[in-house]
């Protein structure tokens, strides 16, 4: 049975969960005007924090809301349109562009593209394809709402990446917490493709 999300706002979540035990917030400033975010990191959508962190590097801003529970982390999933954790919102709203990294449960080896910044979305997609990855525009996760965290940036248009479970499994020794410490060639090739697409923005 799949555990359903429980909370509709960060205030509701924070009243029932304990920071640094059930969840952790990680962030850092970057030199650019772009931020890379993983609002469903850790055990919520495993691998997304690591991808966002490596993609941001020292150049871009980085934010992750990370699930730390031993199991049942999906109850910490606040949807992209409802996500209102104050630090994450502040980083998004101060950035010119936000790329939000997510993970869907499909077994495919595909990255689903969404968000309102069509030009950047196409640039990222072209780079991923060049490095051997499959991409397609997302119907289920279009990321077009102005309330979506990827579009809460100054430009009002960001990019949402939904990386399928099948592909994320190839990026790590495993998607368990310990396994995510050991990344594969697929991980580095994927992050490299993203960085080529965005580092000159």
N, C-alpha and C. Protein backbone atom coordinates (compact mmCIF):
# COMPACT_ATOMS: atom_id res chain seq x y z
N UNK A 1 0.84 -1.20 0.00
CA UNK A 1 0.00 0.00 0.00
C UNK A 1 0.88 1.25 0.00
N UNK A 2 0.58 2.20 -0.87
CA UNK A 2 1.34 3.44 -0.95
C UNK A 2 0.86 4.42 0.12
N UNK A 3 1.77 4.96 0.89
CA UNK A 3 1.41 5.93 1.91
C UNK A 3 1.06 7.26 1.25
N UNK A 4 -0.05 7.85 1.64
CA UNK A 4 -0.47 9.11 1.05
C UNK A 4 0.13 10.29 1.80
N UNK A 5 0.29 11.39 1.08
CA UNK A 5 0.76 12.61 1.72
C UNK A 5 -0.24 13.04 2.80
N UNK A 6 0.27 13.58 3.86
CA UNK A 6 -0.57 13.90 5.01
C UNK A 6 -0.80 15.39 5.18
N UNK A 7 0.19 16.21 4.78
CA UNK A 7 0.16 17.63 5.13
C UNK A 7 -0.09 18.51 3.90
N UNK A 8 -0.80 19.60 4.14
CA UNK A 8 -1.12 20.54 3.07
C UNK A 8 -0.38 21.87 3.20
N UNK A 9 0.43 22.01 4.25
CA UNK A 9 1.23 23.21 4.43
C UNK A 9 2.40 22.88 5.34
N UNK A 10 3.43 23.72 5.30
CA UNK A 10 4.57 23.48 6.18
C UNK A 10 4.19 23.72 7.63
N UNK A 11 3.35 24.70 7.90
CA UNK A 11 2.95 24.95 9.29
C UNK A 11 2.29 23.71 9.89
N UNK A 12 1.45 23.05 9.11
CA UNK A 12 0.78 21.84 9.57
C UNK A 12 1.82 20.73 9.80
N UNK A 13 2.75 20.60 8.88
CA UNK A 13 3.80 19.59 9.01
C UNK A 13 4.66 19.85 10.25
N UNK A 14 5.11 21.09 10.41
CA UNK A 14 6.02 21.43 11.50
C UNK A 14 5.37 21.25 12.87
N UNK A 15 4.05 21.33 12.93
CA UNK A 15 3.35 21.15 14.20
C UNK A 15 3.30 19.69 14.62
N UNK A 16 3.60 18.79 13.67
CA UNK A 16 3.47 17.37 13.96
C UNK A 16 4.76 16.57 13.78
N UNK A 17 5.77 17.17 13.16
CA UNK A 17 7.03 16.50 12.90
C UNK A 17 8.17 17.30 13.52
N UNK A 18 9.29 16.64 13.77
CA UNK A 18 10.41 17.27 14.47
C UNK A 18 11.57 17.49 13.52
N UNK A 19 12.02 18.74 13.43
CA UNK A 19 13.14 19.06 12.55
C UNK A 19 14.40 18.35 13.03
N UNK A 20 15.18 17.87 12.08
CA UNK A 20 16.44 17.14 12.29
C UNK A 20 16.25 15.73 12.85
N UNK A 21 15.00 15.35 13.05
CA UNK A 21 14.67 13.96 13.38
C UNK A 21 13.80 13.37 12.27
N UNK A 22 12.72 14.06 11.94
CA UNK A 22 11.83 13.61 10.87
C UNK A 22 12.17 14.25 9.53
N UNK A 23 12.68 15.46 9.56
CA UNK A 23 13.01 16.17 8.33
C UNK A 23 14.17 17.13 8.58
N UNK A 24 14.82 17.52 7.51
CA UNK A 24 15.92 18.48 7.61
C UNK A 24 15.82 19.46 6.45
N UNK A 25 16.20 20.71 6.71
CA UNK A 25 16.25 21.73 5.68
C UNK A 25 17.71 22.08 5.41
N UNK A 26 18.12 21.96 4.17
CA UNK A 26 19.49 22.30 3.78
C UNK A 26 19.45 23.38 2.71
N UNK A 27 20.36 24.33 2.79
CA UNK A 27 20.40 25.37 1.77
C UNK A 27 21.77 26.04 1.77
N UNK A 28 22.09 26.67 0.66
CA UNK A 28 23.28 27.51 0.58
C UNK A 28 23.09 28.50 -0.56
N UNK A 29 23.77 29.62 -0.42
CA UNK A 29 23.71 30.65 -1.44
C UNK A 29 24.63 30.28 -2.60
N UNK A 30 24.36 30.83 -3.76
CA UNK A 30 25.21 30.64 -4.92
C UNK A 30 25.55 31.99 -5.54
N UNK A 31 26.53 31.99 -6.43
CA UNK A 31 26.95 33.23 -7.07
C UNK A 31 26.01 33.64 -8.19
N UNK A 32 25.29 32.69 -8.76
CA UNK A 32 24.41 33.00 -9.88
C UNK A 32 23.04 33.45 -9.36
N UNK A 33 22.14 33.70 -10.29
CA UNK A 33 20.77 34.08 -9.94
C UNK A 33 19.82 32.90 -10.06
N UNK A 34 20.38 31.69 -10.12
CA UNK A 34 19.58 30.49 -10.25
C UNK A 34 19.66 29.66 -8.97
N UNK A 35 18.57 28.97 -8.66
CA UNK A 35 18.55 28.04 -7.53
C UNK A 35 18.08 26.68 -8.01
N UNK A 36 18.70 25.64 -7.46
CA UNK A 36 18.31 24.26 -7.74
C UNK A 36 17.69 23.71 -6.46
N UNK A 37 16.45 23.24 -6.55
CA UNK A 37 15.70 22.85 -5.36
C UNK A 37 15.24 21.41 -5.44
N UNK A 38 15.24 20.74 -4.28
CA UNK A 38 14.65 19.41 -4.14
C UNK A 38 13.73 19.47 -2.92
N UNK A 39 12.48 19.79 -3.15
CA UNK A 39 11.56 19.98 -2.03
C UNK A 39 11.01 18.66 -1.50
N UNK A 40 11.31 17.56 -2.20
CA UNK A 40 10.89 16.22 -1.76
C UNK A 40 12.10 15.32 -1.65
N UNK A 41 13.13 15.81 -0.98
CA UNK A 41 14.40 15.11 -0.91
C UNK A 41 14.44 14.02 0.14
N UNK A 42 15.62 13.44 0.30
CA UNK A 42 15.80 12.37 1.28
C UNK A 42 14.95 11.17 0.94
N UNK A 43 14.22 10.67 1.92
CA UNK A 43 13.41 9.49 1.72
C UNK A 43 12.06 9.74 1.06
N UNK A 44 11.75 11.00 0.75
CA UNK A 44 10.46 11.31 0.12
C UNK A 44 10.50 10.89 -1.35
N UNK A 45 11.42 11.46 -2.10
CA UNK A 45 11.68 11.07 -3.49
C UNK A 45 13.20 10.85 -3.59
N UNK A 46 13.66 9.66 -3.24
CA UNK A 46 15.09 9.41 -3.04
C UNK A 46 15.94 9.74 -4.27
N UNK A 47 17.07 10.38 -3.99
CA UNK A 47 18.03 10.75 -5.02
C UNK A 47 17.91 12.18 -5.49
N UNK A 48 16.78 12.82 -5.21
CA UNK A 48 16.59 14.17 -5.74
C UNK A 48 17.48 15.20 -5.04
N UNK A 49 17.69 15.04 -3.74
CA UNK A 49 18.59 15.96 -3.03
C UNK A 49 20.00 15.87 -3.60
N UNK A 50 20.48 14.65 -3.79
CA UNK A 50 21.84 14.46 -4.29
C UNK A 50 22.01 15.04 -5.69
N UNK A 51 21.01 14.87 -6.54
CA UNK A 51 21.07 15.41 -7.90
C UNK A 51 21.07 16.94 -7.86
N UNK A 52 20.18 17.51 -7.05
CA UNK A 52 20.10 18.97 -6.96
C UNK A 52 21.38 19.56 -6.38
N UNK A 53 21.91 18.93 -5.35
CA UNK A 53 23.12 19.41 -4.68
C UNK A 53 24.30 19.43 -5.65
N UNK A 54 24.49 18.31 -6.36
CA UNK A 54 25.62 18.22 -7.29
C UNK A 54 25.45 19.17 -8.47
N UNK A 55 24.23 19.36 -8.92
CA UNK A 55 23.98 20.26 -10.04
C UNK A 55 24.23 21.71 -9.64
N UNK A 56 23.81 22.07 -8.45
CA UNK A 56 24.03 23.45 -7.97
C UNK A 56 25.51 23.74 -7.81
N UNK A 57 26.25 22.78 -7.25
CA UNK A 57 27.68 23.00 -7.01
C UNK A 57 27.92 24.26 -6.21
N UNK A 58 28.99 24.97 -6.55
CA UNK A 58 29.29 26.23 -5.88
C UNK A 58 28.72 27.43 -6.61
N UNK A 59 28.16 27.19 -7.80
CA UNK A 59 27.72 28.32 -8.64
C UNK A 59 26.30 28.76 -8.34
N UNK A 60 25.40 27.82 -8.15
CA UNK A 60 23.99 28.14 -8.01
C UNK A 60 23.52 27.96 -6.57
N UNK A 61 22.42 28.62 -6.23
CA UNK A 61 21.80 28.40 -4.94
C UNK A 61 21.26 26.98 -4.85
N UNK A 62 21.19 26.46 -3.63
CA UNK A 62 20.73 25.09 -3.40
C UNK A 62 19.76 25.06 -2.23
N UNK A 63 18.69 24.28 -2.38
CA UNK A 63 17.73 24.10 -1.30
C UNK A 63 17.21 22.67 -1.33
N UNK A 64 17.09 22.06 -0.16
CA UNK A 64 16.47 20.74 -0.07
C UNK A 64 15.67 20.61 1.21
N UNK A 65 14.46 20.12 1.05
CA UNK A 65 13.65 19.68 2.18
C UNK A 65 13.75 18.16 2.18
N UNK A 66 14.36 17.60 3.22
CA UNK A 66 14.80 16.21 3.20
C UNK A 66 14.06 15.38 4.24
N UNK A 67 13.43 14.30 3.80
CA UNK A 67 12.78 13.39 4.73
C UNK A 67 13.78 12.46 5.39
N UNK A 68 13.75 12.36 6.72
CA UNK A 68 14.73 11.58 7.48
C UNK A 68 14.14 10.34 8.14
N UNK A 69 12.85 10.11 8.01
CA UNK A 69 12.23 8.98 8.70
C UNK A 69 12.82 7.66 8.22
N UNK A 70 12.81 6.67 9.08
CA UNK A 70 13.28 5.34 8.71
C UNK A 70 12.38 4.76 7.63
N UNK A 71 11.09 5.06 7.70
CA UNK A 71 10.13 4.64 6.68
C UNK A 71 8.96 5.62 6.71
N UNK A 72 8.13 5.57 5.67
CA UNK A 72 6.93 6.41 5.65
C UNK A 72 7.19 7.87 5.39
N UNK A 73 8.26 8.19 4.69
CA UNK A 73 8.60 9.58 4.45
C UNK A 73 7.61 10.32 3.56
N UNK A 74 6.81 9.57 2.79
CA UNK A 74 5.93 10.26 1.84
C UNK A 74 4.87 11.11 2.53
N UNK A 75 4.61 10.88 3.81
CA UNK A 75 3.66 11.76 4.50
C UNK A 75 4.20 13.19 4.59
N UNK A 76 5.51 13.37 4.36
CA UNK A 76 6.13 14.70 4.40
C UNK A 76 6.03 15.41 3.05
N UNK A 77 5.40 14.79 2.08
CA UNK A 77 5.29 15.34 0.73
C UNK A 77 4.23 16.43 0.70
N UNK A 78 4.68 17.68 0.57
CA UNK A 78 3.78 18.81 0.34
C UNK A 78 3.87 19.13 -1.15
N UNK A 79 2.76 19.19 -1.84
CA UNK A 79 2.79 19.36 -3.29
C UNK A 79 3.48 20.65 -3.69
N UNK A 80 3.97 20.68 -4.92
CA UNK A 80 4.73 21.82 -5.42
C UNK A 80 3.93 23.11 -5.37
N UNK A 81 2.62 23.02 -5.54
CA UNK A 81 1.78 24.22 -5.51
C UNK A 81 1.46 24.68 -4.10
N UNK A 82 1.61 23.79 -3.13
CA UNK A 82 1.32 24.13 -1.74
C UNK A 82 2.57 24.35 -0.91
N UNK A 83 3.73 24.05 -1.49
CA UNK A 83 4.96 24.08 -0.70
C UNK A 83 5.25 25.51 -0.24
N UNK A 84 5.30 25.70 1.07
CA UNK A 84 5.40 27.06 1.63
C UNK A 84 6.39 27.14 2.79
N UNK A 85 7.36 26.21 2.81
CA UNK A 85 8.40 26.30 3.85
C UNK A 85 9.12 27.63 3.66
N UNK A 86 9.24 28.47 4.69
CA UNK A 86 9.70 29.85 4.51
C UNK A 86 11.10 30.01 3.91
N UNK A 87 12.05 29.17 4.30
CA UNK A 87 13.41 29.30 3.75
C UNK A 87 13.40 28.97 2.26
N UNK A 88 12.71 27.90 1.90
CA UNK A 88 12.62 27.53 0.50
C UNK A 88 11.93 28.58 -0.34
N UNK A 89 10.84 29.15 0.18
CA UNK A 89 10.14 30.21 -0.55
C UNK A 89 11.03 31.44 -0.72
N UNK A 90 11.77 31.79 0.31
CA UNK A 90 12.66 32.95 0.24
C UNK A 90 13.73 32.76 -0.83
N UNK A 91 14.33 31.57 -0.86
CA UNK A 91 15.35 31.30 -1.88
C UNK A 91 14.75 31.36 -3.27
N UNK A 92 13.57 30.76 -3.45
CA UNK A 92 12.92 30.78 -4.76
C UNK A 92 12.59 32.20 -5.19
N UNK A 93 12.03 32.98 -4.30
CA UNK A 93 11.57 34.32 -4.65
C UNK A 93 12.70 35.30 -4.88
N UNK A 94 13.89 35.03 -4.32
CA UNK A 94 15.05 35.88 -4.56
C UNK A 94 15.83 35.48 -5.80
N UNK A 95 15.55 34.30 -6.33
CA UNK A 95 16.26 33.81 -7.50
C UNK A 95 15.55 34.24 -8.78
N UNK A 96 16.32 34.46 -9.81
CA UNK A 96 15.72 34.79 -11.11
C UNK A 96 15.06 33.57 -11.72
N UNK A 97 15.69 32.39 -11.52
CA UNK A 97 15.19 31.14 -12.09
C UNK A 97 15.34 30.02 -11.06
N UNK A 98 14.38 29.11 -11.05
CA UNK A 98 14.45 27.94 -10.17
C UNK A 98 14.29 26.68 -11.02
N UNK A 99 15.16 25.73 -10.78
CA UNK A 99 14.98 24.39 -11.34
C UNK A 99 14.65 23.47 -10.17
N UNK A 100 13.48 22.84 -10.24
CA UNK A 100 13.00 21.98 -9.16
C UNK A 100 13.15 20.52 -9.59
N UNK A 101 13.89 19.75 -8.79
CA UNK A 101 14.19 18.35 -9.12
C UNK A 101 13.27 17.44 -8.32
N UNK A 102 12.51 16.61 -9.03
CA UNK A 102 11.56 15.70 -8.41
C UNK A 102 11.82 14.28 -8.89
N UNK A 103 11.15 13.33 -8.24
CA UNK A 103 11.22 11.94 -8.67
C UNK A 103 9.85 11.32 -8.70
N UNK A 104 9.43 10.82 -9.86
CA UNK A 104 8.16 10.11 -9.95
C UNK A 104 8.41 8.61 -9.85
N UNK A 105 7.36 7.85 -9.61
CA UNK A 105 7.51 6.44 -9.32
C UNK A 105 7.55 5.52 -10.52
N UNK A 106 7.52 6.07 -11.73
CA UNK A 106 7.53 5.25 -12.94
C UNK A 106 8.84 4.48 -13.06
N UNK A 107 8.77 3.29 -13.61
CA UNK A 107 9.97 2.46 -13.79
C UNK A 107 10.75 2.83 -15.05
N UNK A 108 10.24 3.76 -15.84
CA UNK A 108 10.89 4.16 -17.08
C UNK A 108 12.24 4.83 -16.82
N UNK A 109 13.06 4.91 -17.86
CA UNK A 109 14.36 5.58 -17.78
C UNK A 109 14.24 6.95 -18.44
N UNK A 110 13.28 7.74 -17.98
CA UNK A 110 12.92 9.00 -18.65
C UNK A 110 12.91 10.13 -17.63
N UNK A 111 13.23 11.33 -18.10
CA UNK A 111 13.04 12.55 -17.33
C UNK A 111 11.88 13.32 -17.96
N UNK A 112 10.87 13.60 -17.16
CA UNK A 112 9.70 14.34 -17.62
C UNK A 112 9.92 15.83 -17.37
N UNK A 113 9.71 16.63 -18.40
CA UNK A 113 10.03 18.05 -18.35
C UNK A 113 8.77 18.89 -18.15
N UNK A 114 8.85 19.84 -17.22
CA UNK A 114 7.74 20.75 -16.99
C UNK A 114 8.27 22.12 -16.61
N UNK A 115 7.35 23.01 -16.26
CA UNK A 115 7.72 24.37 -15.89
C UNK A 115 7.40 25.37 -16.99
N UNK A 116 7.39 26.65 -16.62
CA UNK A 116 6.95 27.70 -17.54
C UNK A 116 8.08 28.29 -18.38
N UNK A 117 9.34 27.98 -18.05
CA UNK A 117 10.46 28.51 -18.83
C UNK A 117 10.73 27.53 -19.98
N UNK A 118 10.02 27.73 -21.07
CA UNK A 118 10.09 26.78 -22.19
C UNK A 118 11.47 26.77 -22.81
N UNK A 119 12.11 27.93 -22.94
CA UNK A 119 13.43 27.99 -23.57
C UNK A 119 14.47 27.21 -22.76
N UNK A 120 14.48 27.41 -21.45
CA UNK A 120 15.44 26.69 -20.61
C UNK A 120 15.10 25.21 -20.56
N UNK A 121 13.83 24.90 -20.53
CA UNK A 121 13.39 23.51 -20.54
C UNK A 121 13.92 22.80 -21.79
N UNK A 122 13.79 23.45 -22.92
CA UNK A 122 14.27 22.85 -24.17
C UNK A 122 15.79 22.73 -24.19
N UNK A 123 16.47 23.70 -23.62
CA UNK A 123 17.93 23.66 -23.56
C UNK A 123 18.40 22.49 -22.70
N UNK A 124 17.75 22.30 -21.56
CA UNK A 124 18.09 21.17 -20.68
C UNK A 124 17.79 19.86 -21.38
N UNK A 125 16.62 19.78 -22.01
CA UNK A 125 16.25 18.56 -22.71
C UNK A 125 17.23 18.21 -23.81
N UNK A 126 17.66 19.20 -24.55
CA UNK A 126 18.62 18.97 -25.64
C UNK A 126 19.95 18.45 -25.09
N UNK A 127 20.40 19.01 -23.96
CA UNK A 127 21.66 18.57 -23.36
C UNK A 127 21.54 17.14 -22.82
N UNK A 128 20.43 16.83 -22.17
CA UNK A 128 20.23 15.48 -21.65
C UNK A 128 20.21 14.46 -22.79
N UNK A 129 19.54 14.79 -23.87
CA UNK A 129 19.50 13.88 -25.02
C UNK A 129 20.91 13.67 -25.58
N UNK A 130 21.69 14.73 -25.65
CA UNK A 130 23.05 14.64 -26.18
C UNK A 130 23.89 13.67 -25.35
N UNK A 131 23.59 13.60 -24.05
CA UNK A 131 24.34 12.72 -23.16
C UNK A 131 23.68 11.34 -23.00
N UNK A 132 22.71 11.05 -23.86
CA UNK A 132 22.15 9.71 -23.92
C UNK A 132 20.92 9.46 -23.08
N UNK A 133 20.26 10.52 -22.58
CA UNK A 133 19.08 10.35 -21.74
C UNK A 133 17.80 10.64 -22.53
N UNK A 134 16.74 9.96 -22.14
CA UNK A 134 15.43 10.18 -22.76
C UNK A 134 14.68 11.27 -21.99
N UNK A 135 14.04 12.15 -22.72
CA UNK A 135 13.22 13.20 -22.10
C UNK A 135 11.92 13.33 -22.88
N UNK A 136 10.91 13.81 -22.19
CA UNK A 136 9.67 14.17 -22.88
C UNK A 136 8.91 15.16 -22.00
N UNK A 137 8.07 15.97 -22.65
CA UNK A 137 7.25 16.90 -21.90
C UNK A 137 6.24 16.13 -21.06
N UNK A 138 6.02 16.60 -19.86
CA UNK A 138 5.16 15.90 -18.92
C UNK A 138 3.71 16.35 -19.05
N UNK A 139 2.82 15.38 -19.19
CA UNK A 139 1.39 15.68 -19.18
C UNK A 139 0.87 15.64 -17.75
N UNK A 140 1.34 14.66 -16.98
CA UNK A 140 0.87 14.51 -15.58
C UNK A 140 1.43 15.59 -14.67
N UNK A 141 2.68 16.02 -14.93
CA UNK A 141 3.35 16.99 -14.06
C UNK A 141 3.81 18.20 -14.89
N UNK A 142 2.87 18.99 -15.41
CA UNK A 142 3.27 20.09 -16.30
C UNK A 142 4.01 21.22 -15.62
N UNK A 143 3.79 21.41 -14.32
CA UNK A 143 4.52 22.45 -13.59
C UNK A 143 4.24 23.85 -14.07
N UNK A 144 3.01 24.12 -14.50
CA UNK A 144 2.69 25.41 -15.11
C UNK A 144 2.01 26.40 -14.15
N UNK A 145 1.59 25.94 -13.00
CA UNK A 145 0.93 26.84 -12.06
C UNK A 145 1.90 27.91 -11.55
N UNK A 146 1.47 29.16 -11.49
CA UNK A 146 2.34 30.20 -10.92
C UNK A 146 2.66 29.95 -9.45
N UNK A 147 1.89 29.09 -8.79
CA UNK A 147 2.14 28.76 -7.39
C UNK A 147 3.15 27.63 -7.24
N UNK A 148 3.48 26.95 -8.32
CA UNK A 148 4.48 25.89 -8.27
C UNK A 148 5.81 26.48 -7.85
N UNK A 149 6.53 25.80 -6.97
CA UNK A 149 7.78 26.34 -6.43
C UNK A 149 8.76 26.72 -7.54
N UNK A 150 8.75 26.01 -8.67
CA UNK A 150 9.70 26.34 -9.74
C UNK A 150 9.36 27.66 -10.41
N UNK A 151 8.10 28.09 -10.29
CA UNK A 151 7.68 29.34 -10.91
C UNK A 151 7.52 30.49 -9.91
N UNK A 152 7.97 30.28 -8.68
CA UNK A 152 7.88 31.32 -7.66
C UNK A 152 9.09 32.24 -7.69
N UNK A 153 9.90 32.12 -8.74
CA UNK A 153 11.10 32.93 -8.89
C UNK A 153 10.75 34.31 -9.46
N UNK A 154 11.75 35.19 -9.54
CA UNK A 154 11.51 36.56 -9.98
C UNK A 154 10.97 36.62 -11.41
N UNK A 155 11.43 35.71 -12.25
CA UNK A 155 10.97 35.71 -13.65
C UNK A 155 9.58 35.13 -13.80
N UNK A 156 9.11 34.40 -12.79
CA UNK A 156 7.80 33.75 -12.87
C UNK A 156 7.79 32.51 -13.73
N UNK A 157 8.98 32.06 -14.13
CA UNK A 157 9.06 30.89 -15.02
C UNK A 157 10.31 30.08 -14.70
N UNK A 158 10.10 28.85 -14.24
CA UNK A 158 11.22 27.96 -13.96
C UNK A 158 11.04 26.64 -14.67
N UNK A 159 11.80 25.64 -14.24
CA UNK A 159 11.77 24.32 -14.86
C UNK A 159 11.55 23.27 -13.78
N UNK A 160 10.70 22.30 -14.08
CA UNK A 160 10.45 21.18 -13.18
C UNK A 160 10.90 19.89 -13.87
N UNK A 161 11.77 19.15 -13.21
CA UNK A 161 12.26 17.88 -13.73
C UNK A 161 11.71 16.75 -12.88
N UNK A 162 10.99 15.84 -13.50
CA UNK A 162 10.49 14.63 -12.82
C UNK A 162 11.32 13.46 -13.34
N UNK A 163 12.25 12.99 -12.52
CA UNK A 163 13.15 11.92 -12.92
C UNK A 163 12.54 10.58 -12.48
N UNK A 164 12.26 9.74 -13.45
CA UNK A 164 11.58 8.48 -13.15
C UNK A 164 12.42 7.59 -12.24
N UNK A 165 11.73 6.77 -11.47
CA UNK A 165 12.38 5.88 -10.50
C UNK A 165 13.39 4.96 -11.17
N UNK A 166 13.03 4.44 -12.34
CA UNK A 166 13.95 3.54 -13.04
C UNK A 166 15.29 4.18 -13.33
N UNK A 167 15.27 5.44 -13.72
CA UNK A 167 16.51 6.16 -14.00
C UNK A 167 17.27 6.47 -12.72
N UNK A 168 16.56 6.90 -11.69
CA UNK A 168 17.24 7.22 -10.42
C UNK A 168 17.91 5.98 -9.83
N UNK A 169 17.32 4.82 -10.02
CA UNK A 169 17.94 3.59 -9.51
C UNK A 169 19.30 3.32 -10.15
N UNK A 170 19.48 3.78 -11.39
CA UNK A 170 20.76 3.58 -12.08
C UNK A 170 21.82 4.58 -11.64
N UNK A 171 21.42 5.59 -10.86
CA UNK A 171 22.35 6.65 -10.49
C UNK A 171 23.08 6.39 -9.18
N UNK A 172 22.62 5.39 -8.43
CA UNK A 172 23.16 5.14 -7.09
C UNK A 172 23.36 3.64 -6.88
N UNK A 173 24.19 3.32 -5.91
CA UNK A 173 24.34 1.91 -5.51
C UNK A 173 22.98 1.34 -5.14
N UNK A 174 22.20 2.12 -4.41
CA UNK A 174 20.79 1.83 -4.15
C UNK A 174 20.14 3.14 -3.73
N UNK A 175 18.81 3.15 -3.64
CA UNK A 175 18.12 4.36 -3.22
C UNK A 175 17.90 4.42 -1.71
N UNK A 176 18.43 3.44 -0.98
CA UNK A 176 18.47 3.55 0.48
C UNK A 176 19.43 4.67 0.87
N UNK A 177 19.30 5.17 2.09
CA UNK A 177 20.13 6.31 2.51
C UNK A 177 21.61 6.03 2.34
N UNK A 178 22.07 4.85 2.77
CA UNK A 178 23.49 4.53 2.65
C UNK A 178 23.89 4.34 1.20
N UNK A 179 23.01 3.76 0.40
CA UNK A 179 23.32 3.52 -1.00
C UNK A 179 23.44 4.79 -1.82
N UNK A 180 22.74 5.84 -1.40
CA UNK A 180 22.79 7.12 -2.14
C UNK A 180 24.12 7.84 -1.94
N UNK A 181 24.93 7.37 -1.01
CA UNK A 181 26.26 7.96 -0.83
C UNK A 181 27.21 7.53 -1.94
N UNK A 182 26.87 6.49 -2.66
CA UNK A 182 27.72 5.96 -3.72
C UNK A 182 27.04 6.16 -5.07
N UNK A 183 27.52 7.13 -5.82
CA UNK A 183 26.91 7.48 -7.10
C UNK A 183 27.61 6.74 -8.24
N UNK A 184 26.90 6.62 -9.35
CA UNK A 184 27.39 5.87 -10.50
C UNK A 184 27.76 6.81 -11.65
N UNK A 185 28.26 6.21 -12.72
CA UNK A 185 28.57 6.96 -13.93
C UNK A 185 27.33 7.63 -14.49
N UNK A 186 26.18 6.98 -14.35
CA UNK A 186 24.92 7.55 -14.86
C UNK A 186 24.60 8.85 -14.13
N UNK A 187 24.78 8.85 -12.81
CA UNK A 187 24.58 10.06 -12.01
C UNK A 187 25.46 11.20 -12.52
N UNK A 188 26.74 10.94 -12.68
CA UNK A 188 27.68 12.00 -13.06
C UNK A 188 27.43 12.48 -14.49
N UNK A 189 27.00 11.58 -15.36
CA UNK A 189 26.68 11.97 -16.73
C UNK A 189 25.42 12.83 -16.75
N UNK A 190 24.43 12.47 -15.94
CA UNK A 190 23.18 13.24 -15.87
C UNK A 190 23.44 14.64 -15.32
N UNK A 191 24.14 14.70 -14.19
CA UNK A 191 24.46 16.01 -13.58
C UNK A 191 25.31 16.84 -14.54
N UNK A 192 26.26 16.20 -15.20
CA UNK A 192 27.10 16.92 -16.16
C UNK A 192 26.27 17.54 -17.28
N UNK A 193 25.28 16.80 -17.76
CA UNK A 193 24.41 17.33 -18.81
C UNK A 193 23.62 18.53 -18.32
N UNK A 194 23.11 18.44 -17.10
CA UNK A 194 22.37 19.57 -16.53
C UNK A 194 23.28 20.80 -16.40
N UNK A 195 24.48 20.59 -15.89
CA UNK A 195 25.38 21.72 -15.65
C UNK A 195 25.77 22.40 -16.96
N UNK A 196 25.99 21.63 -17.99
CA UNK A 196 26.32 22.22 -19.29
C UNK A 196 25.17 23.11 -19.76
N UNK A 197 23.94 22.67 -19.52
CA UNK A 197 22.77 23.43 -19.98
C UNK A 197 22.54 24.70 -19.18
N UNK A 198 22.91 24.71 -17.89
CA UNK A 198 22.49 25.84 -17.04
C UNK A 198 23.61 26.73 -16.55
N UNK A 199 24.85 26.27 -16.60
CA UNK A 199 25.92 27.03 -15.96
C UNK A 199 26.24 28.35 -16.67
N UNK A 200 25.79 28.50 -17.92
CA UNK A 200 26.04 29.77 -18.61
C UNK A 200 24.81 30.65 -18.63
N UNK A 201 23.81 30.31 -17.80
CA UNK A 201 22.58 31.12 -17.76
C UNK A 201 22.84 32.47 -17.07
